[in-house]
N, C-alpha and C. Protein backbone atom coordinates (compact mmCIF):
# COMPACT_ATOMS: atom_id res chain seq x y z
N MET A 1 28.89 27.69 15.87
CA MET A 1 30.31 27.70 15.61
C MET A 1 30.61 27.51 14.13
N LEU A 2 29.80 26.76 13.46
CA LEU A 2 30.06 26.54 12.05
C LEU A 2 29.69 27.76 11.20
N LEU A 3 29.07 28.75 11.81
CA LEU A 3 28.71 29.95 11.06
C LEU A 3 29.93 30.80 10.75
N HIS A 4 31.00 30.62 11.49
CA HIS A 4 32.20 31.43 11.32
C HIS A 4 33.41 30.53 11.07
N PRO A 5 33.58 30.08 9.84
CA PRO A 5 34.70 29.18 9.56
C PRO A 5 36.06 29.85 9.76
N ASP A 6 36.14 31.17 9.54
CA ASP A 6 37.41 31.86 9.76
C ASP A 6 37.80 31.82 11.23
N MET A 7 36.79 31.97 12.11
CA MET A 7 37.07 31.91 13.54
C MET A 7 37.51 30.50 13.95
N MET A 8 36.88 29.48 13.38
CA MET A 8 37.29 28.10 13.68
C MET A 8 38.71 27.85 13.21
N LEU A 9 39.06 28.38 12.05
CA LEU A 9 40.42 28.21 11.54
C LEU A 9 41.42 28.92 12.44
N ASP A 10 41.06 30.11 12.89
CA ASP A 10 41.95 30.83 13.81
C ASP A 10 42.12 30.08 15.11
N LEU A 11 41.03 29.51 15.65
CA LEU A 11 41.12 28.73 16.89
C LEU A 11 41.99 27.49 16.69
N ALA A 12 41.82 26.81 15.56
CA ALA A 12 42.62 25.61 15.29
C ALA A 12 44.09 25.97 15.16
N ASN A 13 44.39 27.07 14.47
CA ASN A 13 45.79 27.48 14.32
C ASN A 13 46.39 27.90 15.66
N ALA A 14 45.61 28.58 16.49
CA ALA A 14 46.11 28.98 17.81
C ALA A 14 46.41 27.75 18.66
N ARG A 15 45.52 26.76 18.63
CA ARG A 15 45.74 25.53 19.40
C ARG A 15 46.99 24.79 18.90
N ASN A 16 47.16 24.78 17.59
CA ASN A 16 48.33 24.13 17.01
C ASN A 16 49.60 24.83 17.48
N ARG A 17 49.61 26.16 17.49
CA ARG A 17 50.77 26.90 17.97
C ARG A 17 51.03 26.62 19.45
N GLU A 18 49.96 26.51 20.25
CA GLU A 18 50.12 26.19 21.67
C GLU A 18 50.77 24.82 21.85
N LEU A 19 50.31 23.84 21.08
CA LEU A 19 50.88 22.49 21.19
C LEU A 19 52.34 22.47 20.79
N ILE A 20 52.68 23.20 19.74
CA ILE A 20 54.08 23.25 19.30
C ILE A 20 54.94 23.93 20.36
N ALA A 21 54.45 25.02 20.95
CA ALA A 21 55.21 25.73 21.99
C ALA A 21 55.39 24.84 23.21
N GLU A 22 54.36 24.08 23.58
CA GLU A 22 54.47 23.18 24.73
C GLU A 22 55.50 22.09 24.47
N ALA A 23 55.50 21.54 23.27
CA ALA A 23 56.48 20.51 22.92
C ALA A 23 57.91 21.09 22.95
N ASP A 24 58.07 22.31 22.45
CA ASP A 24 59.39 22.95 22.48
C ASP A 24 59.86 23.17 23.91
N ARG A 25 58.96 23.61 24.79
CA ARG A 25 59.33 23.79 26.20
C ARG A 25 59.74 22.47 26.82
N GLY A 26 59.00 21.41 26.52
CA GLY A 26 59.33 20.09 27.05
C GLY A 26 60.69 19.62 26.59
N ARG A 27 60.98 19.81 25.30
CA ARG A 27 62.29 19.42 24.77
C ARG A 27 63.40 20.22 25.42
N LEU A 28 63.17 21.52 25.59
CA LEU A 28 64.17 22.37 26.21
C LEU A 28 64.43 21.95 27.66
N LEU A 29 63.38 21.67 28.41
CA LEU A 29 63.55 21.25 29.80
C LEU A 29 64.24 19.89 29.90
N ARG A 30 63.87 18.96 29.02
CA ARG A 30 64.53 17.65 29.02
C ARG A 30 66.00 17.78 28.70
N ARG A 31 66.32 18.63 27.73
CA ARG A 31 67.72 18.82 27.34
C ARG A 31 68.52 19.45 28.48
N ALA A 32 67.91 20.43 29.17
CA ALA A 32 68.59 21.07 30.30
C ALA A 32 68.81 20.06 31.42
N TRP A 33 67.79 19.23 31.70
CA TRP A 33 67.93 18.22 32.76
C TRP A 33 69.03 17.22 32.38
N TRP A 34 69.04 16.77 31.13
CA TRP A 34 70.02 15.80 30.68
C TRP A 34 71.42 16.38 30.77
N SER A 35 71.57 17.64 30.36
CA SER A 35 72.88 18.28 30.41
C SER A 35 73.37 18.43 31.85
N ARG A 36 72.47 18.83 32.74
CA ARG A 36 72.85 18.99 34.14
C ARG A 36 73.20 17.64 34.77
N ALA A 37 72.43 16.60 34.46
CA ALA A 37 72.72 15.27 35.00
C ALA A 37 74.05 14.75 34.48
N ARG A 38 74.32 15.01 33.21
CA ARG A 38 75.58 14.55 32.63
C ARG A 38 76.76 15.28 33.27
N ARG A 39 76.61 16.59 33.47
CA ARG A 39 77.69 17.37 34.09
C ARG A 39 77.90 16.91 35.53
N ALA A 40 76.82 16.61 36.24
CA ALA A 40 76.94 16.15 37.62
C ALA A 40 77.61 14.78 37.68
N ALA A 41 77.34 13.93 36.71
CA ALA A 41 77.95 12.60 36.69
C ALA A 41 79.46 12.70 36.48
N LYS A 42 79.89 13.69 35.72
CA LYS A 42 81.33 13.85 35.49
C LYS A 42 82.05 14.36 36.73
N THR A 43 81.35 15.13 37.55
CA THR A 43 82.01 15.76 38.69
C THR A 43 81.80 15.02 40.00
N THR A 44 81.11 13.88 39.97
CA THR A 44 80.91 13.14 41.22
C THR A 44 82.24 12.64 41.72
N GLN A 45 82.40 12.65 43.02
CA GLN A 45 83.65 12.22 43.62
C GLN A 45 83.60 10.72 43.87
N VAL A 46 84.59 10.05 43.37
CA VAL A 46 84.68 8.61 43.54
C VAL A 46 85.62 8.33 44.69
N ARG A 47 85.25 7.41 45.54
CA ARG A 47 86.08 7.08 46.69
C ARG A 47 87.43 6.58 46.23
N GLY A 48 88.49 7.11 46.83
CA GLY A 48 89.83 6.71 46.48
C GLY A 48 90.49 7.63 45.47
N ARG A 49 89.70 8.51 44.87
CA ARG A 49 90.26 9.46 43.92
C ARG A 49 90.48 10.78 44.62
N PRO A 50 91.57 11.47 44.37
CA PRO A 50 91.76 12.76 45.03
C PRO A 50 90.66 13.74 44.64
N THR A 51 90.21 14.52 45.62
CA THR A 51 89.11 15.43 45.37
C THR A 51 89.55 16.88 45.27
N GLY A 52 90.79 17.16 45.57
CA GLY A 52 91.24 18.55 45.50
C GLY A 52 92.62 18.71 46.10
N ASN A 53 92.87 19.86 46.67
CA ASN A 53 94.19 20.16 47.23
C ASN A 53 94.39 19.59 48.62
N LEU A 54 93.32 19.35 49.35
CA LEU A 54 93.45 18.84 50.72
C LEU A 54 93.56 17.32 50.73
N ALA A 55 94.32 16.81 51.68
CA ALA A 55 94.49 15.37 51.80
C ALA A 55 93.22 14.75 52.37
N SER A 56 92.95 13.53 51.99
CA SER A 56 91.78 12.82 52.47
C SER A 56 91.98 12.41 53.92
N CYS A 57 90.91 12.38 54.69
CA CYS A 57 90.97 11.97 56.10
C CYS A 57 91.00 10.47 56.26
N GLU A 58 90.49 9.75 55.28
CA GLU A 58 90.45 8.30 55.42
C GLU A 58 91.75 7.69 54.93
N ARG A 59 92.09 6.57 55.54
CA ARG A 59 93.34 5.91 55.20
C ARG A 59 93.16 5.10 53.93
N PRO A 60 94.18 5.06 53.10
CA PRO A 60 94.07 4.26 51.87
C PRO A 60 94.02 2.77 52.24
N VAL A 61 93.12 2.05 51.62
CA VAL A 61 92.95 0.64 51.88
C VAL A 61 93.15 -0.10 50.58
N ALA A 62 93.95 -1.15 50.63
CA ALA A 62 94.20 -1.94 49.44
C ALA A 62 92.97 -2.79 49.14
N ALA A 63 92.55 -2.82 47.90
CA ALA A 63 91.40 -3.63 47.51
C ALA A 63 91.89 -5.03 47.21
N PRO A 64 91.10 -6.03 47.53
CA PRO A 64 91.51 -7.40 47.23
C PRO A 64 91.58 -7.64 45.72
N ALA A 65 92.53 -8.45 45.29
CA ALA A 65 92.70 -8.75 43.88
C ALA A 65 91.54 -9.59 43.41
N ARG A 66 91.14 -9.37 42.18
CA ARG A 66 90.02 -10.15 41.62
C ARG A 66 90.52 -11.15 40.64
């Protein structure tokens, strides 16, 4: 292997590019997951809050004062 230093340099550069591409994919997937989780958190329905045009089936209940 040491007989061909150009080949070793090419292999090292290729591995470096693979590692960078893998890190970029990981960052992209994490960002997509974070964005989706954040969007889902904003749209979750909280009990007692109107959810749309239809009336809720459950009766409104007064919460005890704290």
